[in-house]
Amino acid sequence: MNGRNSSLRITIKGLEVFAHHGVLPEEREQGQRFLFDIGISLKRSAASESDKLEDTVDYAAVCDVAVETATGESCRLLEKLAAMVADAILESFPAIDRVKVRVAKPEPPIAHTLGEVAVMVKRTRA
């Protein structure tokens, strides 16, 4: 890296997952779409110079962890779902220093017209 400090941020937007979460029993039974935006930060990354996947975090693998987590244990709240995904990503990828997970429910069972409801969780490696 030519003696330079280098950090890297990777953003994944609009990862769509069908899962069974929600306060209402029918949400958990029938399932629904959730949209994830995930931001990860690496303190050190040589990938911009090396052009090697092993010098960064494979964002396809990050998506796999997010989908696996989101389709696993059922949650009542978006807050819990976002936290579970953020924690799983940090746990799975030691090179990640910070993760931000935004999860949106595009069709919430609310008696008002709206685009979506969303929650964002940020986690930093201790």
N, C-alpha and C. Protein backbone atom coordinates (compact mmCIF):
# COMPACT_ATOMS: atom_id res chain seq x y z
N MET A 1 0.82 -1.19 0.00
CA MET A 1 0.00 0.00 0.00
C MET A 1 0.86 1.25 0.00
N ASN A 2 2.09 1.13 -0.36
CA ASN A 2 2.99 2.27 -0.52
C ASN A 2 3.08 3.14 0.74
N GLY A 3 3.00 2.53 1.95
CA GLY A 3 3.13 3.28 3.18
C GLY A 3 1.92 4.13 3.54
N ARG A 4 0.86 4.03 2.78
CA ARG A 4 -0.35 4.82 3.06
C ARG A 4 -1.34 4.02 3.88
N ASN A 5 -2.04 4.71 4.75
CA ASN A 5 -3.16 4.07 5.44
C ASN A 5 -4.31 4.00 4.46
N SER A 6 -5.05 2.93 4.53
CA SER A 6 -6.15 2.77 3.60
C SER A 6 -7.34 2.18 4.33
N SER A 7 -8.50 2.76 4.13
CA SER A 7 -9.74 2.19 4.67
C SER A 7 -10.68 1.96 3.49
N LEU A 8 -11.66 1.17 3.72
CA LEU A 8 -12.57 0.81 2.63
C LEU A 8 -13.99 0.72 3.18
N ARG A 9 -14.93 1.18 2.40
CA ARG A 9 -16.36 1.08 2.76
C ARG A 9 -17.07 0.40 1.59
N ILE A 10 -17.85 -0.61 1.92
CA ILE A 10 -18.64 -1.34 0.93
C ILE A 10 -20.11 -1.15 1.28
N THR A 11 -20.92 -0.84 0.28
CA THR A 11 -22.35 -0.63 0.49
C THR A 11 -23.15 -1.60 -0.37
N ILE A 12 -24.09 -2.26 0.27
CA ILE A 12 -25.02 -3.16 -0.41
C ILE A 12 -26.40 -2.54 -0.25
N LYS A 13 -27.08 -2.28 -1.35
CA LYS A 13 -28.39 -1.62 -1.28
C LYS A 13 -29.48 -2.49 -1.91
N GLY A 14 -30.60 -2.55 -1.21
CA GLY A 14 -31.78 -3.19 -1.78
C GLY A 14 -31.76 -4.71 -1.80
N LEU A 15 -31.05 -5.33 -0.86
CA LEU A 15 -31.06 -6.79 -0.78
C LEU A 15 -32.47 -7.22 -0.33
N GLU A 16 -33.15 -7.94 -1.18
CA GLU A 16 -34.54 -8.34 -0.91
C GLU A 16 -34.57 -9.74 -0.31
N VAL A 17 -35.30 -9.86 0.81
CA VAL A 17 -35.41 -11.14 1.50
C VAL A 17 -36.88 -11.37 1.85
N PHE A 18 -37.37 -12.55 1.56
CA PHE A 18 -38.71 -12.93 1.99
C PHE A 18 -38.55 -13.69 3.29
N ALA A 19 -39.20 -13.19 4.37
CA ALA A 19 -39.03 -13.81 5.68
C ALA A 19 -40.30 -13.66 6.50
N HIS A 20 -40.28 -14.25 7.68
CA HIS A 20 -41.47 -14.32 8.54
C HIS A 20 -41.24 -13.57 9.84
N HIS A 21 -41.35 -12.25 9.78
CA HIS A 21 -41.16 -11.40 10.95
C HIS A 21 -42.33 -10.45 11.07
N GLY A 22 -42.62 -10.03 12.29
CA GLY A 22 -43.66 -9.04 12.51
C GLY A 22 -44.37 -9.23 13.83
N VAL A 23 -45.04 -8.20 14.26
CA VAL A 23 -45.79 -8.24 15.50
C VAL A 23 -47.05 -9.08 15.34
N LEU A 24 -47.70 -8.94 14.22
CA LEU A 24 -48.96 -9.66 13.99
C LEU A 24 -48.70 -11.13 13.63
N PRO A 25 -49.50 -12.03 14.16
CA PRO A 25 -49.32 -13.46 13.86
C PRO A 25 -49.34 -13.76 12.36
N GLU A 26 -50.22 -13.07 11.61
CA GLU A 26 -50.29 -13.33 10.17
C GLU A 26 -49.02 -12.90 9.43
N GLU A 27 -48.31 -11.92 9.95
CA GLU A 27 -47.02 -11.54 9.34
C GLU A 27 -46.01 -12.67 9.49
N ARG A 28 -46.00 -13.27 10.66
CA ARG A 28 -45.05 -14.35 10.92
C ARG A 28 -45.46 -15.64 10.20
N GLU A 29 -46.76 -15.84 10.01
CA GLU A 29 -47.24 -17.04 9.33
C GLU A 29 -47.09 -16.94 7.82
N GLN A 30 -47.54 -15.83 7.23
CA GLN A 30 -47.55 -15.68 5.78
C GLN A 30 -46.22 -15.20 5.22
N GLY A 31 -45.48 -14.45 6.00
CA GLY A 31 -44.22 -13.89 5.53
C GLY A 31 -44.44 -12.66 4.67
N GLN A 32 -43.34 -11.95 4.40
CA GLN A 32 -43.38 -10.73 3.60
C GLN A 32 -41.98 -10.35 3.15
N ARG A 33 -41.91 -9.34 2.29
CA ARG A 33 -40.63 -8.84 1.78
C ARG A 33 -40.00 -7.88 2.78
N PHE A 34 -38.68 -7.98 2.90
CA PHE A 34 -37.88 -7.03 3.65
C PHE A 34 -36.75 -6.59 2.75
N LEU A 35 -36.37 -5.34 2.85
CA LEU A 35 -35.28 -4.79 2.06
C LEU A 35 -34.15 -4.36 2.99
N PHE A 36 -32.94 -4.80 2.66
CA PHE A 36 -31.78 -4.51 3.49
C PHE A 36 -30.79 -3.62 2.74
N ASP A 37 -30.29 -2.62 3.44
CA ASP A 37 -29.13 -1.85 3.00
C ASP A 37 -28.06 -2.10 4.05
N ILE A 38 -26.88 -2.49 3.59
CA ILE A 38 -25.81 -2.87 4.50
C ILE A 38 -24.56 -2.08 4.13
N GLY A 39 -23.97 -1.43 5.12
CA GLY A 39 -22.71 -0.73 4.92
C GLY A 39 -21.67 -1.36 5.82
N ILE A 40 -20.52 -1.71 5.25
CA ILE A 40 -19.43 -2.27 6.05
C ILE A 40 -18.18 -1.44 5.85
N SER A 41 -17.40 -1.34 6.91
CA SER A 41 -16.15 -0.59 6.87
C SER A 41 -15.00 -1.48 7.32
N LEU A 42 -13.92 -1.40 6.58
CA LEU A 42 -12.70 -2.11 6.92
C LEU A 42 -11.63 -1.07 7.18
N LYS A 43 -10.91 -1.21 8.30
CA LYS A 43 -9.86 -0.25 8.62
C LYS A 43 -8.70 -0.36 7.64
N ARG A 44 -8.38 -1.58 7.31
CA ARG A 44 -7.26 -1.81 6.40
C ARG A 44 -7.73 -2.67 5.23
N SER A 45 -7.34 -2.27 4.04
CA SER A 45 -7.66 -3.06 2.87
C SER A 45 -6.64 -2.75 1.78
N ALA A 46 -6.03 -3.80 1.29
CA ALA A 46 -5.08 -3.64 0.19
C ALA A 46 -5.74 -3.89 -1.16
N ALA A 47 -7.03 -4.14 -1.16
CA ALA A 47 -7.73 -4.55 -2.38
C ALA A 47 -7.67 -3.49 -3.49
N SER A 48 -7.65 -2.23 -3.12
CA SER A 48 -7.63 -1.19 -4.16
C SER A 48 -6.33 -1.21 -4.96
N GLU A 49 -5.30 -1.78 -4.38
CA GLU A 49 -4.03 -1.90 -5.12
C GLU A 49 -3.78 -3.32 -5.62
N SER A 50 -4.16 -4.31 -4.81
CA SER A 50 -3.85 -5.69 -5.18
C SER A 50 -4.84 -6.27 -6.19
N ASP A 51 -6.09 -5.79 -6.16
CA ASP A 51 -7.15 -6.32 -7.01
C ASP A 51 -7.44 -7.78 -6.70
N LYS A 52 -7.25 -8.18 -5.41
CA LYS A 52 -7.46 -9.56 -5.00
C LYS A 52 -8.60 -9.63 -4.00
N LEU A 53 -9.50 -10.58 -4.23
CA LEU A 53 -10.66 -10.76 -3.36
C LEU A 53 -10.23 -11.04 -1.92
N GLU A 54 -9.15 -11.76 -1.74
CA GLU A 54 -8.72 -12.10 -0.38
C GLU A 54 -8.23 -10.88 0.41
N ASP A 55 -8.07 -9.74 -0.25
CA ASP A 55 -7.65 -8.52 0.44
C ASP A 55 -8.82 -7.62 0.82
N THR A 56 -10.03 -8.15 0.70
CA THR A 56 -11.23 -7.39 1.06
C THR A 56 -12.25 -8.35 1.66
N VAL A 57 -13.48 -7.93 1.76
CA VAL A 57 -14.58 -8.79 2.21
C VAL A 57 -15.48 -9.02 1.00
N ASP A 58 -15.76 -10.26 0.72
CA ASP A 58 -16.61 -10.64 -0.41
C ASP A 58 -18.04 -10.22 -0.12
N TYR A 59 -18.55 -9.24 -0.85
CA TYR A 59 -19.90 -8.75 -0.54
C TYR A 59 -20.98 -9.77 -0.86
N ALA A 60 -20.71 -10.71 -1.75
CA ALA A 60 -21.68 -11.79 -1.98
C ALA A 60 -21.80 -12.66 -0.73
N ALA A 61 -20.69 -12.90 -0.05
CA ALA A 61 -20.72 -13.67 1.20
C ALA A 61 -21.43 -12.89 2.30
N VAL A 62 -21.29 -11.57 2.33
CA VAL A 62 -22.02 -10.73 3.29
C VAL A 62 -23.53 -10.88 3.04
N CYS A 63 -23.93 -10.85 1.79
CA CYS A 63 -25.35 -11.04 1.44
C CYS A 63 -25.83 -12.41 1.91
N ASP A 64 -25.02 -13.43 1.70
CA ASP A 64 -25.39 -14.78 2.14
C ASP A 64 -25.66 -14.83 3.64
N VAL A 65 -24.78 -14.20 4.43
CA VAL A 65 -24.95 -14.17 5.89
C VAL A 65 -26.23 -13.42 6.26
N ALA A 66 -26.46 -12.30 5.60
CA ALA A 66 -27.67 -11.51 5.89
C ALA A 66 -28.93 -12.30 5.59
N VAL A 67 -28.98 -12.96 4.44
CA VAL A 67 -30.16 -13.74 4.06
C VAL A 67 -30.35 -14.93 5.00
N GLU A 68 -29.27 -15.63 5.30
CA GLU A 68 -29.36 -16.78 6.20
C GLU A 68 -29.88 -16.35 7.58
N THR A 69 -29.40 -15.23 8.07
CA THR A 69 -29.83 -14.74 9.38
C THR A 69 -31.29 -14.29 9.33
N ALA A 70 -31.65 -13.55 8.30
CA ALA A 70 -33.01 -13.00 8.19
C ALA A 70 -34.06 -14.08 7.96
N THR A 71 -33.68 -15.20 7.39
CA THR A 71 -34.65 -16.27 7.14
C THR A 71 -34.60 -17.34 8.22
N GLY A 72 -33.81 -17.10 9.25
CA GLY A 72 -33.71 -18.04 10.38
C GLY A 72 -34.76 -17.72 11.42
N GLU A 73 -34.30 -17.40 12.61
CA GLU A 73 -35.18 -17.10 13.74
C GLU A 73 -36.16 -15.97 13.42
N SER A 74 -37.42 -16.16 13.77
CA SER A 74 -38.45 -15.14 13.54
C SER A 74 -38.41 -14.09 14.65
N CYS A 75 -38.55 -12.83 14.25
CA CYS A 75 -38.54 -11.71 15.19
C CYS A 75 -39.87 -10.97 15.10
N ARG A 76 -40.23 -10.33 16.18
CA ARG A 76 -41.42 -9.49 16.17
C ARG A 76 -41.08 -8.09 15.66
N LEU A 77 -39.89 -7.60 15.99
CA LEU A 77 -39.53 -6.21 15.70
C LEU A 77 -38.41 -6.09 14.68
N LEU A 78 -38.49 -5.06 13.85
CA LEU A 78 -37.41 -4.75 12.90
C LEU A 78 -36.11 -4.45 13.64
N GLU A 79 -36.21 -3.86 14.81
CA GLU A 79 -35.02 -3.53 15.60
C GLU A 79 -34.20 -4.79 15.90
N LYS A 80 -34.88 -5.84 16.31
CA LYS A 80 -34.22 -7.11 16.62
C LYS A 80 -33.64 -7.74 15.36
N LEU A 81 -34.38 -7.71 14.27
CA LEU A 81 -33.92 -8.27 13.01
C LEU A 81 -32.65 -7.58 12.52
N ALA A 82 -32.66 -6.26 12.53
CA ALA A 82 -31.48 -5.50 12.08
C ALA A 82 -30.28 -5.79 12.97
N ALA A 83 -30.49 -5.87 14.28
CA ALA A 83 -29.39 -6.16 15.21
C ALA A 83 -28.83 -7.56 14.99
N MET A 84 -29.71 -8.53 14.77
CA MET A 84 -29.24 -9.90 14.53
C MET A 84 -28.38 -9.98 13.26
N VAL A 85 -28.81 -9.31 12.20
CA VAL A 85 -28.05 -9.33 10.96
C VAL A 85 -26.70 -8.62 11.14
N ALA A 86 -26.71 -7.47 11.80
CA ALA A 86 -25.46 -6.74 12.03
C ALA A 86 -24.48 -7.58 12.85
N ASP A 87 -24.97 -8.21 13.91
CA ASP A 87 -24.11 -9.03 14.76
C ASP A 87 -23.56 -10.24 13.99
N ALA A 88 -24.39 -10.86 13.18
CA ALA A 88 -23.94 -12.02 12.40
C ALA A 88 -22.85 -11.63 11.40
N ILE A 89 -22.99 -10.46 10.80
CA ILE A 89 -21.98 -10.00 9.84
C ILE A 89 -20.65 -9.74 10.55
N LEU A 90 -20.70 -9.04 11.68
CA LEU A 90 -19.46 -8.78 12.43
C LEU A 90 -18.81 -10.09 12.87
N GLU A 91 -19.62 -11.02 13.31
CA GLU A 91 -19.11 -12.31 13.78
C GLU A 91 -18.49 -13.12 12.64
N SER A 92 -19.05 -13.01 11.45
CA SER A 92 -18.60 -13.82 10.32
C SER A 92 -17.37 -13.28 9.60
N PHE A 93 -17.12 -11.98 9.74
CA PHE A 93 -16.04 -11.35 8.97
C PHE A 93 -15.14 -10.53 9.89
N PRO A 94 -14.06 -11.12 10.38
CA PRO A 94 -13.17 -10.42 11.32
C PRO A 94 -12.54 -9.14 10.75
N ALA A 95 -12.45 -9.02 9.44
CA ALA A 95 -11.84 -7.83 8.83
C ALA A 95 -12.75 -6.60 8.92
N ILE A 96 -14.04 -6.81 9.19
CA ILE A 96 -14.98 -5.69 9.26
C ILE A 96 -14.88 -5.02 10.62
N ASP A 97 -14.68 -3.71 10.61
CA ASP A 97 -14.61 -2.93 11.84
C ASP A 97 -15.95 -2.36 12.26
N ARG A 98 -16.75 -1.97 11.27
CA ARG A 98 -18.06 -1.38 11.54
C ARG A 98 -19.07 -1.90 10.53
N VAL A 99 -20.31 -2.03 10.99
CA VAL A 99 -21.38 -2.44 10.09
C VAL A 99 -22.62 -1.61 10.42
N LYS A 100 -23.33 -1.26 9.37
CA LYS A 100 -24.60 -0.55 9.51
C LYS A 100 -25.63 -1.34 8.71
N VAL A 101 -26.73 -1.70 9.35
CA VAL A 101 -27.78 -2.48 8.70
C VAL A 101 -29.08 -1.69 8.80
N ARG A 102 -29.66 -1.42 7.65
CA ARG A 102 -30.98 -0.79 7.57
C ARG A 102 -31.92 -1.84 7.00
N VAL A 103 -33.00 -2.11 7.72
CA VAL A 103 -33.99 -3.06 7.22
C VAL A 103 -35.32 -2.33 7.11
N ALA A 104 -35.96 -2.50 5.96
CA ALA A 104 -37.22 -1.83 5.68
C ALA A 104 -38.30 -2.85 5.39
N LYS A 105 -39.50 -2.50 5.82
CA LYS A 105 -40.69 -3.29 5.53
C LYS A 105 -41.51 -2.43 4.55
N PRO A 106 -41.50 -2.79 3.25
CA PRO A 106 -42.15 -1.93 2.25
C PRO A 106 -43.67 -1.95 2.29
N GLU A 107 -44.26 -2.95 2.89
CA GLU A 107 -45.73 -3.04 2.93
C GLU A 107 -46.19 -3.37 4.35
N PRO A 108 -45.97 -2.45 5.29
CA PRO A 108 -46.34 -2.75 6.67
C PRO A 108 -47.86 -2.75 6.85
N PRO A 109 -48.36 -3.54 7.80
CA PRO A 109 -49.81 -3.59 8.02
C PRO A 109 -50.25 -2.39 8.86
N ILE A 110 -50.23 -1.22 8.23
CA ILE A 110 -50.60 0.03 8.88
C ILE A 110 -51.73 0.66 8.06
N ALA A 111 -52.68 1.26 8.73
CA ALA A 111 -53.85 1.82 8.05
C ALA A 111 -53.57 3.22 7.50
N HIS A 112 -52.37 3.44 6.99
CA HIS A 112 -52.00 4.72 6.40
C HIS A 112 -51.18 4.45 5.14
N THR A 113 -51.23 5.36 4.20
CA THR A 113 -50.43 5.23 3.00
C THR A 113 -49.01 5.70 3.31
N LEU A 114 -48.05 4.84 3.06
CA LEU A 114 -46.65 5.20 3.27
C LEU A 114 -45.76 4.35 2.39
N GLY A 115 -44.55 4.79 2.20
CA GLY A 115 -43.61 4.06 1.34
C GLY A 115 -43.03 2.83 2.01
N GLU A 116 -42.63 2.99 3.26
CA GLU A 116 -42.04 1.89 4.02
C GLU A 116 -41.80 2.34 5.45
N VAL A 117 -41.54 1.39 6.31
CA VAL A 117 -41.00 1.68 7.63
C VAL A 117 -39.65 1.00 7.70
N ALA A 118 -38.70 1.62 8.40
CA ALA A 118 -37.35 1.07 8.42
C ALA A 118 -36.69 1.35 9.76
N VAL A 119 -35.71 0.54 10.07
CA VAL A 119 -34.88 0.68 11.26
C VAL A 119 -33.43 0.54 10.84
N MET A 120 -32.55 1.31 11.49
CA MET A 120 -31.12 1.20 11.21
C MET A 120 -30.37 0.91 12.50
N VAL A 121 -29.48 -0.07 12.43
CA VAL A 121 -28.63 -0.43 13.56
C VAL A 121 -27.18 -0.30 13.12
N LYS A 122 -26.35 0.28 14.00
CA LYS A 122 -24.91 0.38 13.75
C LYS A 122 -24.18 -0.39 14.83
N ARG A 123 -23.19 -1.15 14.40
CA ARG A 123 -22.36 -1.91 15.35
C ARG A 123 -20.89 -1.64 15.01
N THR A 124 -20.09 -1.57 16.06
CA THR A 124 -18.64 -1.38 15.91
C THR A 124 -17.95 -2.51 16.66
N ARG A 125 -16.90 -3.02 16.05
CA ARG A 125 -16.14 -4.09 16.71
C ARG A 125 -15.46 -3.51 17.95
N ALA A 126 -15.55 -4.25 19.04
CA ALA A 126 -14.95 -3.79 20.31
C ALA A 126 -13.44 -3.82 20.24
